């Protein structure tokens, strides 16, 4: 099994943005030593306890700090950007770290104020043209835009091979089907709408077509992204998961943005106690002992045919994060798979 990391670059409790960045660099280095396959960075805006608004910049630092692990800008939110400019950044990363760069193609809102601030034209309504943007972006990555494109003659570093791998980020069947038809790899979220993951993955495999893009793939390639906390005991795992559960519950369901990442004790107070791990087949959070976590992830992989799991944690301490991924690597014997 391949295991990878999706890093939200949260600011540890009582630390600074600069210290959070250094923590992610140290975690990426340790992840490489442990045998993790990819290290991706999310793109979020206006989240006080995260430091990830420009993942393409931090990706360059991660590439310099590591040697072999694949580095991913794990969310270029194309609804905010020019596909051409985004592709220029990825080509530059590929020139620096050939064959090690991934990009996740996504779209998301960052809130009314941040969405407006990100726009070049702030009084103009932005159309929902994500499908067209995705195709254009893939074309820029491989310098093979169709002849009817007005930008067909423009190339980005044409002497470089098309080695940036573009993944479509999807939580629904429709998005997964779009990835399949374009022949692009699928990064399926099992935490935005967990119950949709099996259907989305099924749609991808059923509709996959070999890609016409140089940057695409000729056979299906998938990963399943989960939010996960593992610890030696179930009680400790449930306690350590509380900052993650509190932050996302308040942010997504109550529209309350915390000004800092809470400690477990603060989160427990906010939520009125420790929440037990979910027992559903497709939980929003995979929480538990190594044995429990391994059982859940292996079942998810069987049900979806995924060949890779990408893990996101939200832990309040940098050293705790390293120990967390050491335990997860031991659980799946990553060193023995190298």
C-alpha atoms as a PDB file:
ATOM      1  CA  UNK A   1       0.000   0.000   0.000  1.00  0.00           C
ATOM      2  CA  UNK A   2       1.211   3.498  -0.819  1.00  0.00           C
ATOM      3  CA  UNK A   3       0.722   6.108   1.899  1.00  0.00           C
ATOM      4  CA  UNK A   4       1.005   9.843   1.348  1.00  0.00           C
ATOM      5  CA  UNK A   5       0.493  13.035   3.357  1.00  0.00           C
ATOM      6  CA  UNK A   6      -1.781  16.020   2.733  1.00  0.00           C
ATOM      7  CA  UNK A   7      -0.474  18.879   4.870  1.00  0.00           C
ATOM      8  CA  UNK A   8      -2.718  21.815   5.825  1.00  0.00           C
ATOM      9  CA  UNK A   9       0.343  23.477   7.429  1.00  0.00           C
ATOM     10  CA  UNK A  10      -1.463  24.326  10.638  1.00  0.00           C
ATOM     11  CA  UNK A  11       0.222  26.596  13.179  1.00  0.00           C
ATOM     12  CA  UNK A  12       1.046  24.554  16.300  1.00  0.00           C
ATOM     13  CA  UNK A  13      -0.452  25.885  19.488  1.00  0.00           C
ATOM     14  CA  UNK A  14       1.578  28.823  20.772  1.00  0.00           C
ATOM     15  CA  UNK A  15       3.845  28.929  17.714  1.00  0.00           C
ATOM     16  CA  UNK A  16       4.256  31.288  14.743  1.00  0.00           C
ATOM     17  CA  UNK A  17       3.664  31.033  11.009  1.00  0.00           C
ATOM     18  CA  UNK A  18       7.406  30.737  10.420  1.00  0.00           C
ATOM     19  CA  UNK A  19       7.646  27.901  12.920  1.00  0.00           C
ATOM     20  CA  UNK A  20       4.707  26.138  11.208  1.00  0.00           C
ATOM     21  CA  UNK A  21       6.540  26.261   7.877  1.00  0.00           C
ATOM     22  CA  UNK A  22       9.704  24.872   9.448  1.00  0.00           C
ATOM     23  CA  UNK A  23       7.629  22.123  11.031  1.00  0.00           C
ATOM     24  CA  UNK A  24       6.264  21.101   7.637  1.00  0.00           C
ATOM     25  CA  UNK A  25       9.768  20.995   6.172  1.00  0.00           C
ATOM     26  CA  UNK A  26      10.903  18.730   9.023  1.00  0.00           C
ATOM     27  CA  UNK A  27       7.823  16.525   8.619  1.00  0.00           C
ATOM     28  CA  UNK A  28       8.417  16.158   4.876  1.00  0.00           C
ATOM     29  CA  UNK A  29      12.015  15.108   5.488  1.00  0.00           C
ATOM     30  CA  UNK A  30      10.931  12.526   8.051  1.00  0.00           C
ATOM     31  CA  UNK A  31       8.128  11.299   5.777  1.00  0.00           C
ATOM     32  CA  UNK A  32      10.664  10.697   3.027  1.00  0.00           C
ATOM     33  CA  UNK A  33      12.834   8.664   5.414  1.00  0.00           C
ATOM     34  CA  UNK A  34       9.805   6.618   6.503  1.00  0.00           C
ATOM     35  CA  UNK A  35       8.761   5.699   2.971  1.00  0.00           C
ATOM     36  CA  UNK A  36       5.768   7.928   2.291  1.00  0.00           C
ATOM     37  CA  UNK A  37       5.092   8.328  -1.426  1.00  0.00           C
ATOM     38  CA  UNK A  38       3.857  11.932  -1.780  1.00  0.00           C
ATOM     39  CA  UNK A  39       3.753  15.083   0.308  1.00  0.00           C
ATOM     40  CA  UNK A  40       1.027  17.481  -0.801  1.00  0.00           C
ATOM     41  CA  UNK A  41       0.138  20.950   0.402  1.00  0.00           C
ATOM     42  CA  UNK A  42      -3.417  22.267   0.512  1.00  0.00           C
ATOM     43  CA  UNK A  43      -4.408  25.748  -0.622  1.00  0.00           C
ATOM     44  CA  UNK A  44      -6.611  27.637   1.825  1.00  0.00           C
ATOM     45  CA  UNK A  45      -7.130  31.357   2.268  1.00  0.00           C
ATOM     46  CA  UNK A  46      -8.004  33.432   5.320  1.00  0.00           C
ATOM     47  CA  UNK A  47      -7.646  30.600   7.844  1.00  0.00           C
ATOM     48  CA  UNK A  48      -5.883  32.114  10.874  1.00  0.00           C
ATOM     49  CA  UNK A  49      -4.374  28.842  12.129  1.00  0.00           C
ATOM     50  CA  UNK A  50      -3.013  27.664   8.763  1.00  0.00           C
ATOM     51  CA  UNK A  51      -0.084  28.847   6.639  1.00  0.00           C
ATOM     52  CA  UNK A  52      -0.883  27.591   3.157  1.00  0.00           C
ATOM     53  CA  UNK A  53      -2.144  30.421   0.897  1.00  0.00           C
ATOM     54  CA  UNK A  54       0.704  29.952  -1.619  1.00  0.00           C
ATOM     55  CA  UNK A  55       1.490  26.213  -1.754  1.00  0.00           C
ATOM     56  CA  UNK A  56       3.457  26.573  -4.985  1.00  0.00           C
ATOM     57  CA  UNK A  57       6.004  28.673  -3.068  1.00  0.00           C
ATOM     58  CA  UNK A  58       6.292  26.280  -0.135  1.00  0.00           C
ATOM     59  CA  UNK A  59       6.538  23.366  -2.597  1.00  0.00           C
ATOM     60  CA  UNK A  60       9.839  24.794  -3.833  1.00  0.00           C
ATOM     61  CA  UNK A  61      11.208  24.802  -0.286  1.00  0.00           C
ATOM     62  CA  UNK A  62       9.980  21.244   0.239  1.00  0.00           C
ATOM     63  CA  UNK A  63      11.693  20.136  -2.953  1.00  0.00           C
ATOM     64  CA  UNK A  64      14.976  21.615  -1.750  1.00  0.00           C
ATOM     65  CA  UNK A  65      14.607  19.957   1.662  1.00  0.00           C
ATOM     66  CA  UNK A  66      13.966  16.461   0.237  1.00  0.00           C
ATOM     67  CA  UNK A  67      15.400  14.215  -2.462  1.00  0.00           C
ATOM     68  CA  UNK A  68      12.935  11.567  -3.641  1.00  0.00           C
ATOM     69  CA  UNK A  69       9.434  12.044  -2.249  1.00  0.00           C
ATOM     70  CA  UNK A  70       6.918  13.461  -4.731  1.00  0.00           C
ATOM     71  CA  UNK A  71       5.881  17.025  -3.908  1.00  0.00           C
ATOM     72  CA  UNK A  72       2.361  18.177  -4.672  1.00  0.00           C
ATOM     73  CA  UNK A  73       0.614  21.504  -4.896  1.00  0.00           C
ATOM     74  CA  UNK A  74      -2.348  19.575  -3.596  1.00  0.00           C
ATOM     75  CA  UNK A  75      -4.880  22.105  -4.638  1.00  0.00           C
ATOM     76  CA  UNK A  76      -4.580  24.751  -7.326  1.00  0.00           C
ATOM     77  CA  UNK A  77      -7.986  26.404  -7.019  1.00  0.00           C
ATOM     78  CA  UNK A  78      -8.524  27.201 -10.674  1.00  0.00           C
ATOM     79  CA  UNK A  79     -11.714  29.150 -10.011  1.00  0.00           C
ATOM     80  CA  UNK A  80      -9.418  31.901  -8.703  1.00  0.00           C
ATOM     81  CA  UNK A  81      -6.634  31.838 -11.298  1.00  0.00           C
ATOM     82  CA  UNK A  82      -5.559  31.881 -14.906  1.00  0.00           C
ATOM     83  CA  UNK A  83      -4.758  28.296 -15.990  1.00  0.00           C
ATOM     84  CA  UNK A  84      -1.823  29.716 -17.965  1.00  0.00           C
ATOM     85  CA  UNK A  85      -0.241  31.403 -14.960  1.00  0.00           C
ATOM     86  CA  UNK A  86      -0.838  28.362 -12.744  1.00  0.00           C
ATOM     87  CA  UNK A  87       0.808  26.117 -15.354  1.00  0.00           C
ATOM     88  CA  UNK A  88       3.834  28.433 -15.539  1.00  0.00           C
ATOM     89  CA  UNK A  89       4.388  27.947 -11.801  1.00  0.00           C
ATOM     90  CA  UNK A  90       4.149  24.160 -12.130  1.00  0.00           C
ATOM     91  CA  UNK A  91       6.522  24.039 -15.090  1.00  0.00           C
ATOM     92  CA  UNK A  92       9.001  26.051 -13.026  1.00  0.00           C
ATOM     93  CA  UNK A  93       8.736  23.564 -10.158  1.00  0.00           C
ATOM     94  CA  UNK A  94       9.248  20.715 -12.615  1.00  0.00           C
ATOM     95  CA  UNK A  95      12.403  22.375 -13.973  1.00  0.00           C
ATOM     96  CA  UNK A  96      13.710  22.560 -10.411  1.00  0.00           C
ATOM     97  CA  UNK A  97      12.648  19.043  -9.377  1.00  0.00           C
ATOM     98  CA  UNK A  98      12.166  16.963 -12.549  1.00  0.00           C
ATOM     99  CA  UNK A  99       9.673  14.121 -12.286  1.00  0.00           C
ATOM    100  CA  UNK A 100       8.732  14.842  -8.662  1.00  0.00           C
ATOM    101  CA  UNK A 101       5.901  17.366  -9.027  1.00  0.00           C
ATOM    102  CA  UNK A 102       2.163  16.684  -8.736  1.00  0.00           C
ATOM    103  CA  UNK A 103      -0.695  19.156  -8.901  1.00  0.00           C
ATOM    104  CA  UNK A 104      -4.256  18.746  -7.691  1.00  0.00           C
ATOM    105  CA  UNK A 105      -6.873  20.591  -9.754  1.00  0.00           C
ATOM    106  CA  UNK A 106      -9.611  21.906  -7.527  1.00  0.00           C
ATOM    107  CA  UNK A 107     -12.114  24.639  -6.908  1.00  0.00           C
ATOM    108  CA  UNK A 108     -13.325  26.035  -3.617  1.00  0.00           C
ATOM    109  CA  UNK A 109     -14.661  29.118  -1.928  1.00  0.00           C
ATOM    110  CA  UNK A 110     -12.539  30.878   0.643  1.00  0.00           C
ATOM    111  CA  UNK A 111     -15.371  33.021   1.994  1.00  0.00           C
ATOM    112  CA  UNK A 112     -16.955  36.105   0.461  1.00  0.00           C
ATOM    113  CA  UNK A 113     -14.185  38.532   1.427  1.00  0.00           C
ATOM    114  CA  UNK A 114     -11.266  36.292   0.426  1.00  0.00           C
ATOM    115  CA  UNK A 115     -12.945  35.214  -2.817  1.00  0.00           C
ATOM    116  CA  UNK A 116     -13.413  38.854  -3.744  1.00  0.00           C
ATOM    117  CA  UNK A 117      -9.862  39.760  -2.760  1.00  0.00           C
ATOM    118  CA  UNK A 118      -8.501  36.988  -5.005  1.00  0.00           C
ATOM    119  CA  UNK A 119     -10.268  38.351  -8.077  1.00  0.00           C
ATOM    120  CA  UNK A 120      -8.634  40.615 -10.606  1.00  0.00           C
ATOM    121  CA  UNK A 121     -12.049  42.085 -11.535  1.00  0.00           C
ATOM    122  CA  UNK A 122     -14.028  42.425  -8.338  1.00  0.00           C
ATOM    123  CA  UNK A 123     -17.295  43.702  -9.760  1.00  0.00           C
ATOM    124  CA  UNK A 124     -17.638  40.899 -12.297  1.00  0.00           C
ATOM    125  CA  UNK A 125     -19.433  37.636 -11.602  1.00  0.00           C
ATOM    126  CA  UNK A 126     -17.119  34.669 -12.228  1.00  0.00           C
ATOM    127  CA  UNK A 127     -18.669  31.949 -14.452  1.00  0.00           C
ATOM    128  CA  UNK A 128     -18.654  28.293 -13.502  1.00  0.00           C
ATOM    129  CA  UNK A 129     -16.228  27.197 -16.217  1.00  0.00           C
ATOM    130  CA  UNK A 130     -14.193  24.695 -14.192  1.00  0.00           C
ATOM    131  CA  UNK A 131     -14.436  21.980 -16.845  1.00  0.00           C
ATOM    132  CA  UNK A 132     -12.953  24.253 -19.510  1.00  0.00           C
ATOM    133  CA  UNK A 133     -10.284  25.522 -17.133  1.00  0.00           C
ATOM    134  CA  UNK A 134      -9.266  21.951 -16.265  1.00  0.00           C
ATOM    135  CA  UNK A 135      -8.822  21.044 -19.938  1.00  0.00           C
ATOM    136  CA  UNK A 136      -6.870  24.222 -20.645  1.00  0.00           C
ATOM    137  CA  UNK A 137      -4.626  23.652 -17.625  1.00  0.00           C
ATOM    138  CA  UNK A 138      -3.869  20.068 -18.687  1.00  0.00           C
ATOM    139  CA  UNK A 139      -3.061  21.384 -22.164  1.00  0.00           C
ATOM    140  CA  UNK A 140      -0.648  23.967 -20.805  1.00  0.00           C
ATOM    141  CA  UNK A 141       1.103  21.328 -18.674  1.00  0.00           C
ATOM    142  CA  UNK A 142       1.815  19.212 -21.753  1.00  0.00           C
ATOM    143  CA  UNK A 143       2.111  22.066 -24.264  1.00  0.00           C
ATOM    144  CA  UNK A 144      -0.522  20.351 -26.388  1.00  0.00           C
ATOM    145  CA  UNK A 145      -3.490  22.689 -26.455  1.00  0.00           C
ATOM    146  CA  UNK A 146      -5.786  21.829 -29.396  1.00  0.00           C
ATOM    147  CA  UNK A 147      -5.303  23.689 -32.669  1.00  0.00           C
ATOM    148  CA  UNK A 148      -8.593  25.529 -32.243  1.00  0.00           C
ATOM    149  CA  UNK A 149      -7.359  27.085 -29.001  1.00  0.00           C
ATOM    150  CA  UNK A 150      -6.488  30.792 -29.314  1.00  0.00           C
ATOM    151  CA  UNK A 151      -3.371  29.985 -27.256  1.00  0.00           C
ATOM    152  CA  UNK A 152      -2.200  27.027 -29.339  1.00  0.00           C
ATOM    153  CA  UNK A 153       1.051  28.734 -30.374  1.00  0.00           C
ATOM    154  CA  UNK A 154       2.084  29.672 -26.822  1.00  0.00           C
ATOM    155  CA  UNK A 155       4.387  27.175 -25.101  1.00  0.00           C
ATOM    156  CA  UNK A 156       5.753  26.972 -21.561  1.00  0.00           C
ATOM    157  CA  UNK A 157       9.325  25.641 -21.361  1.00  0.00           C
ATOM    158  CA  UNK A 158       8.780  23.433 -24.439  1.00  0.00           C
ATOM    159  CA  UNK A 159      12.207  21.839 -24.062  1.00  0.00           C
ATOM    160  CA  UNK A 160      11.013  20.201 -20.826  1.00  0.00           C
ATOM    161  CA  UNK A 161       9.022  16.919 -20.951  1.00  0.00           C
ATOM    162  CA  UNK A 162       5.443  16.868 -19.658  1.00  0.00           C
ATOM    163  CA  UNK A 163       6.273  15.442 -16.252  1.00  0.00           C
ATOM    164  CA  UNK A 164       3.958  17.384 -13.911  1.00  0.00           C
ATOM    165  CA  UNK A 165       1.162  14.955 -13.055  1.00  0.00           C
ATOM    166  CA  UNK A 166      -2.255  16.683 -12.806  1.00  0.00           C
ATOM    167  CA  UNK A 167      -4.803  15.079 -10.455  1.00  0.00           C
ATOM    168  CA  UNK A 168      -8.468  16.032 -10.434  1.00  0.00           C
ATOM    169  CA  UNK A 169      -9.679  16.618  -6.868  1.00  0.00           C
ATOM    170  CA  UNK A 170     -13.175  15.161  -6.581  1.00  0.00           C
ATOM    171  CA  UNK A 171     -15.826  14.446  -3.987  1.00  0.00           C
ATOM    172  CA  UNK A 172     -18.700  13.643  -6.365  1.00  0.00           C
ATOM    173  CA  UNK A 173     -19.481  11.280  -9.211  1.00  0.00           C
ATOM    174  CA  UNK A 174     -19.688  14.168 -11.693  1.00  0.00           C
ATOM    175  CA  UNK A 175     -16.165  15.382 -10.945  1.00  0.00           C
ATOM    176  CA  UNK A 176     -14.804  11.832 -10.973  1.00  0.00           C
ATOM    177  CA  UNK A 177     -16.424  11.178 -14.347  1.00  0.00           C
ATOM    178  CA  UNK A 178     -14.844  14.361 -15.744  1.00  0.00           C
ATOM    179  CA  UNK A 179     -11.413  13.150 -14.614  1.00  0.00           C
ATOM    180  CA  UNK A 180     -12.040   9.774 -16.243  1.00  0.00           C
ATOM    181  CA  UNK A 181     -13.108  11.199 -19.592  1.00  0.00           C
ATOM    182  CA  UNK A 182     -10.040  13.447 -19.685  1.00  0.00           C
ATOM    183  CA  UNK A 183      -7.743  10.586 -18.698  1.00  0.00           C
ATOM    184  CA  UNK A 184      -6.396  12.325 -15.611  1.00  0.00           C
ATOM    185  CA  UNK A 185      -5.615  10.718 -12.240  1.00  0.00           C
ATOM    186  CA  UNK A 186      -8.296  10.999  -9.545  1.00  0.00           C
ATOM    187  CA  UNK A 187      -7.709  12.202  -5.984  1.00  0.00           C
ATOM    188  CA  UNK A 188     -10.987  11.291  -4.295  1.00  0.00           C
ATOM    189  CA  UNK A 189     -11.915  12.980  -1.032  1.00  0.00           C
ATOM    190  CA  UNK A 190     -13.307  10.671   1.629  1.00  0.00           C
ATOM    191  CA  UNK A 191     -13.825  13.480   4.105  1.00  0.00           C
ATOM    192  CA  UNK A 192     -15.887  16.156   2.362  1.00  0.00           C
ATOM    193  CA  UNK A 193     -18.749  13.760   1.600  1.00  0.00           C
ATOM    194  CA  UNK A 194     -17.427  10.373   2.741  1.00  0.00           C
ATOM    195  CA  UNK A 195     -20.435   8.349   1.637  1.00  0.00           C
ATOM    196  CA  UNK A 196     -19.903   9.564  -1.951  1.00  0.00           C
ATOM    197  CA  UNK A 197     -16.395   8.120  -2.234  1.00  0.00           C
ATOM    198  CA  UNK A 198     -17.317   4.571  -3.363  1.00  0.00           C
ATOM    199  CA  UNK A 199     -19.710   5.882  -6.040  1.00  0.00           C
ATOM    200  CA  UNK A 200     -17.220   8.492  -7.255  1.00  0.00           C
ATOM    201  CA  UNK A 201     -14.449   5.928  -7.578  1.00  0.00           C
ATOM    202  CA  UNK A 202     -16.797   3.499  -9.354  1.00  0.00           C
ATOM    203  CA  UNK A 203     -17.776   6.216 -11.847  1.00  0.00           C
ATOM    204  CA  UNK A 204     -14.112   6.959 -12.526  1.00  0.00           C
ATOM    205  CA  UNK A 205     -13.209   3.368 -13.336  1.00  0.00           C
ATOM    206  CA  UNK A 206     -16.324   2.851 -15.458  1.00  0.00           C
ATOM    207  CA  UNK A 207     -15.783   5.943 -17.614  1.00  0.00           C
ATOM    208  CA  UNK A 208     -11.975   6.090 -17.816  1.00  0.00           C
ATOM    209  CA  UNK A 209     -10.473   6.822 -21.221  1.00  0.00           C
ATOM    210  CA  UNK A 210      -6.750   6.992 -22.054  1.00  0.00           C
ATOM    211  CA  UNK A 211      -5.775  10.644 -22.079  1.00  0.00           C
ATOM    212  CA  UNK A 212      -5.249  12.704 -25.208  1.00  0.00           C
ATOM    213  CA  UNK A 213      -3.111  15.064 -23.110  1.00  0.00           C
ATOM    214  CA  UNK A 214       0.636  14.548 -22.856  1.00  0.00           C
ATOM    215  CA  UNK A 215       0.304  15.289 -19.141  1.00  0.00           C
ATOM    216  CA  UNK A 216      -2.451  12.686 -18.672  1.00  0.00           C
ATOM    217  CA  UNK A 217      -2.322   8.931 -18.052  1.00  0.00           C
ATOM    218  CA  UNK A 218      -3.141   5.899 -20.153  1.00  0.00           C
ATOM    219  CA  UNK A 219      -4.653   3.789 -17.378  1.00  0.00           C
ATOM    220  CA  UNK A 220      -6.631   4.655 -14.240  1.00  0.00           C
ATOM    221  CA  UNK A 221      -4.697   6.093 -11.321  1.00  0.00           C
ATOM    222  CA  UNK A 222      -6.385   6.895  -8.034  1.00  0.00           C
ATOM    223  CA  UNK A 223      -5.804   7.885  -4.459  1.00  0.00           C
ATOM    224  CA  UNK A 224      -8.217   8.192  -1.563  1.00  0.00           C
ATOM    225  CA  UNK A 225      -7.782  11.136   0.828  1.00  0.00           C
ATOM    226  CA  UNK A 226      -8.848  10.705   4.471  1.00  0.00           C
ATOM    227  CA  UNK A 227      -8.595  12.635   7.708  1.00  0.00           C
ATOM    228  CA  UNK A 228      -6.937  10.338  10.213  1.00  0.00           C
ATOM    229  CA  UNK A 229      -5.578  10.215  13.741  1.00  0.00           C
ATOM    230  CA  UNK A 230      -3.799   7.108  15.027  1.00  0.00           C
ATOM    231  CA  UNK A 231      -2.477   6.527  18.560  1.00  0.00           C
ATOM    232  CA  UNK A 232      -1.449   3.564  20.726  1.00  0.00           C
ATOM    233  CA  UNK A 233      -4.852   3.487  22.458  1.00  0.00           C
ATOM    234  CA  UNK A 234      -8.369   4.285  21.289  1.00  0.00           C
ATOM    235  CA  UNK A 235      -8.821   6.776  24.123  1.00  0.00           C
ATOM    236  CA  UNK A 236      -5.674   8.708  23.196  1.00  0.00           C
ATOM    237  CA  UNK A 237      -6.602   8.765  19.499  1.00  0.00           C
ATOM    238  CA  UNK A 238     -10.080  10.120  20.262  1.00  0.00           C
ATOM    239  CA  UNK A 239      -8.606  12.795  22.518  1.00  0.00           C
ATOM    240  CA  UNK A 240      -5.967  13.859  19.977  1.00  0.00           C
ATOM    241  CA  UNK A 241      -8.636  14.058  17.260  1.00  0.00           C
ATOM    242  CA  UNK A 242     -10.639  16.668  19.150  1.00  0.00           C
ATOM    243  CA  UNK A 243      -8.827  19.779  17.779  1.00  0.00           C
ATOM    244  CA  UNK A 244      -9.496  18.527  14.248  1.00  0.00           C
ATOM    245  CA  UNK A 245     -13.128  17.708  14.961  1.00  0.00           C
ATOM    246  CA  UNK A 246     -13.789  21.008  16.745  1.00  0.00           C
ATOM    247  CA  UNK A 247     -12.099  23.163  14.111  1.00  0.00           C
ATOM    248  CA  UNK A 248     -13.939  21.591  11.176  1.00  0.00           C
ATOM    249  CA  UNK A 249     -17.297  21.416  12.930  1.00  0.00           C
ATOM    250  CA  UNK A 250     -17.186  25.091  13.865  1.00  0.00           C
ATOM    251  CA  UNK A 251     -15.796  26.124  10.478  1.00  0.00           C
ATOM    252  CA  UNK A 252     -18.059  24.099   8.184  1.00  0.00           C
ATOM    253  CA  UNK A 253     -21.304  23.691  10.118  1.00  0.00           C
ATOM    254  CA  UNK A 254     -21.444  26.725  12.414  1.00  0.00           C
ATOM    255  CA  UNK A 255     -19.565  29.217  10.192  1.00  0.00           C
ATOM    256  CA  UNK A 256     -17.225  30.044  13.072  1.00  0.00           C
ATOM    257  CA  UNK A 257     -13.540  30.477  12.255  1.00  0.00           C
ATOM    258  CA  UNK A 258     -11.281  29.940  15.261  1.00  0.00           C
ATOM    259  CA  UNK A 259      -8.385  32.353  15.653  1.00  0.00           C
ATOM    260  CA  UNK A 260      -6.011  29.557  16.646  1.00  0.00           C
ATOM    261  CA  UNK A 261      -5.835  25.778  16.540  1.00  0.00           C
ATOM    262  CA  UNK A 262      -7.126  24.574  19.917  1.00  0.00           C
ATOM    263  CA  UNK A 263      -5.335  22.147  22.189  1.00  0.00           C
ATOM    264  CA  UNK A 264      -7.128  18.867  22.924  1.00  0.00           C
ATOM    265  CA  UNK A 265      -8.335  20.231  26.264  1.00  0.00           C
ATOM    266  CA  UNK A 266      -9.644  23.419  24.648  1.00  0.00           C
ATOM    267  CA  UNK A 267     -11.389  21.424  21.931  1.00  0.00           C
ATOM    268  CA  UNK A 268     -12.953  19.053  24.454  1.00  0.00           C
ATOM    269  CA  UNK A 269     -14.346  22.045  26.344  1.00  0.00           C
ATOM    270  CA  UNK A 270     -15.721  23.547  23.121  1.00  0.00           C
ATOM    271  CA  UNK A 271     -17.443  20.280  22.137  1.00  0.00           C
ATOM    272  CA  UNK A 272     -18.693  19.364  25.622  1.00  0.00           C
ATOM    273  CA  UNK A 273     -16.556  16.255  25.946  1.00  0.00           C
ATOM    274  CA  UNK A 274     -14.555  13.758  23.934  1.00  0.00           C
ATOM    275  CA  UNK A 275     -16.418  12.498  20.881  1.00  0.00           C
ATOM    276  CA  UNK A 276     -16.124   8.763  20.201  1.00  0.00           C
ATOM    277  CA  UNK A 277     -14.794   7.614  16.852  1.00  0.00           C
ATOM    278  CA  UNK A 278     -17.453   7.088  14.214  1.00  0.00           C
ATOM    279  CA  UNK A 279     -18.528   3.502  13.548  1.00  0.00           C
ATOM    280  CA  UNK A 280     -19.986   4.130  10.090  1.00  0.00           C
ATOM    281  CA  UNK A 281     -18.520   2.436   7.034  1.00  0.00           C
ATOM    282  CA  UNK A 282     -17.412   5.802   5.647  1.00  0.00           C
ATOM    283  CA  UNK A 283     -16.523   8.083   8.572  1.00  0.00           C
ATOM    284  CA  UNK A 284     -15.507  11.707   8.114  1.00  0.00           C
ATOM    285  CA  UNK A 285     -12.576  10.958  10.448  1.00  0.00           C
ATOM    286  CA  UNK A 286     -10.665   7.681  10.750  1.00  0.00           C
ATOM    287  CA  UNK A 287      -9.658   7.570  14.416  1.00  0.00           C
ATOM    288  CA  UNK A 288      -8.187   4.782  16.495  1.00  0.00           C
ATOM    289  CA  UNK A 289      -5.462   2.321  17.322  1.00  0.00           C
ATOM    290  CA  UNK A 290      -3.093   1.033  14.654  1.00  0.00           C
ATOM    291  CA  UNK A 291      -5.185  -2.145  14.347  1.00  0.00           C
ATOM    292  CA  UNK A 292      -8.447  -0.252  13.932  1.00  0.00           C
ATOM    293  CA  UNK A 293      -7.020   2.269  11.480  1.00  0.00           C
ATOM    294  CA  UNK A 294      -5.398  -0.438   9.364  1.00  0.00           C
ATOM    295  CA  UNK A 295      -8.637  -2.402   9.192  1.00  0.00           C
ATOM    296  CA  UNK A 296     -10.670   0.649   8.129  1.00  0.00           C
ATOM    297  CA  UNK A 297      -8.186   1.791   5.472  1.00  0.00           C
ATOM    298  CA  UNK A 298      -7.788  -1.670   3.979  1.00  0.00           C
ATOM    299  CA  UNK A 299     -11.575  -2.009   3.712  1.00  0.00           C
ATOM    300  CA  UNK A 300     -11.844   1.409   2.058  1.00  0.00           C
ATOM    301  CA  UNK A 301      -9.223   0.413  -0.485  1.00  0.00           C
ATOM    302  CA  UNK A 302     -10.988  -2.861  -1.273  1.00  0.00           C
ATOM    303  CA  UNK A 303     -14.314  -1.099  -1.776  1.00  0.00           C
ATOM    304  CA  UNK A 304     -12.898   1.628  -4.047  1.00  0.00           C
ATOM    305  CA  UNK A 305     -10.000  -0.133  -5.814  1.00  0.00           C
ATOM    306  CA  UNK A 306      -7.749   2.730  -4.705  1.00  0.00           C
ATOM    307  CA  UNK A 307      -4.066   1.888  -4.613  1.00  0.00           C
ATOM    308  CA  UNK A 308      -2.966   4.784  -2.423  1.00  0.00           C
ATOM    309  CA  UNK A 309      -4.183   6.508   0.730  1.00  0.00           C
ATOM    310  CA  UNK A 310      -3.425  10.165   1.401  1.00  0.00           C
ATOM    311  CA  UNK A 311      -3.692  11.189   5.046  1.00  0.00           C
ATOM    312  CA  UNK A 312      -4.495  14.575   6.533  1.00  0.00           C
ATOM    313  CA  UNK A 313      -4.010  15.162  10.237  1.00  0.00           C
ATOM    314  CA  UNK A 314      -4.823  18.236  12.298  1.00  0.00           C
ATOM    315  CA  UNK A 315      -2.594  17.931  15.349  1.00  0.00           C
ATOM    316  CA  UNK A 316      -1.613  20.766  17.647  1.00  0.00           C
ATOM    317  CA  UNK A 317       2.110  19.998  18.078  1.00  0.00           C
ATOM    318  CA  UNK A 318       4.900  19.598  15.489  1.00  0.00           C
ATOM    319  CA  UNK A 319       6.720  16.760  17.274  1.00  0.00           C
ATOM    320  CA  UNK A 320       3.428  14.978  17.846  1.00  0.00           C
ATOM    321  CA  UNK A 321       2.795  15.080  14.093  1.00  0.00           C
ATOM    322  CA  UNK A 322       6.123  13.390  13.412  1.00  0.00           C
ATOM    323  CA  UNK A 323       5.401  10.660  15.981  1.00  0.00           C
ATOM    324  CA  UNK A 324       1.932  10.234  14.453  1.00  0.00           C
ATOM    325  CA  UNK A 325       3.320   9.519  10.989  1.00  0.00           C
ATOM    326  CA  UNK A 326       6.036   7.289  12.427  1.00  0.00           C
ATOM    327  CA  UNK A 327       3.336   5.150  14.054  1.00  0.00           C
ATOM    328  CA  UNK A 328       1.287   5.057  10.859  1.00  0.00           C
ATOM    329  CA  UNK A 329       4.355   4.033   8.826  1.00  0.00           C
ATOM    330  CA  UNK A 330       5.078   1.256  11.331  1.00  0.00           C
ATOM    331  CA  UNK A 331       1.454   0.098  11.164  1.00  0.00           C
ATOM    332  CA  UNK A 332       1.734  -0.428   7.401  1.00  0.00           C
ATOM    333  CA  UNK A 333       5.409  -1.451   7.417  1.00  0.00           C
ATOM    334  CA  UNK A 334       6.367   1.234   4.890  1.00  0.00           C
ATOM    335  CA  UNK A 335      10.065   0.586   5.391  1.00  0.00           C
ATOM    336  CA  UNK A 336       9.521  -3.059   4.442  1.00  0.00           C
ATOM    337  CA  UNK A 337       7.838  -2.023   1.196  1.00  0.00           C
ATOM    338  CA  UNK A 338      10.733   0.115  -0.020  1.00  0.00           C
END
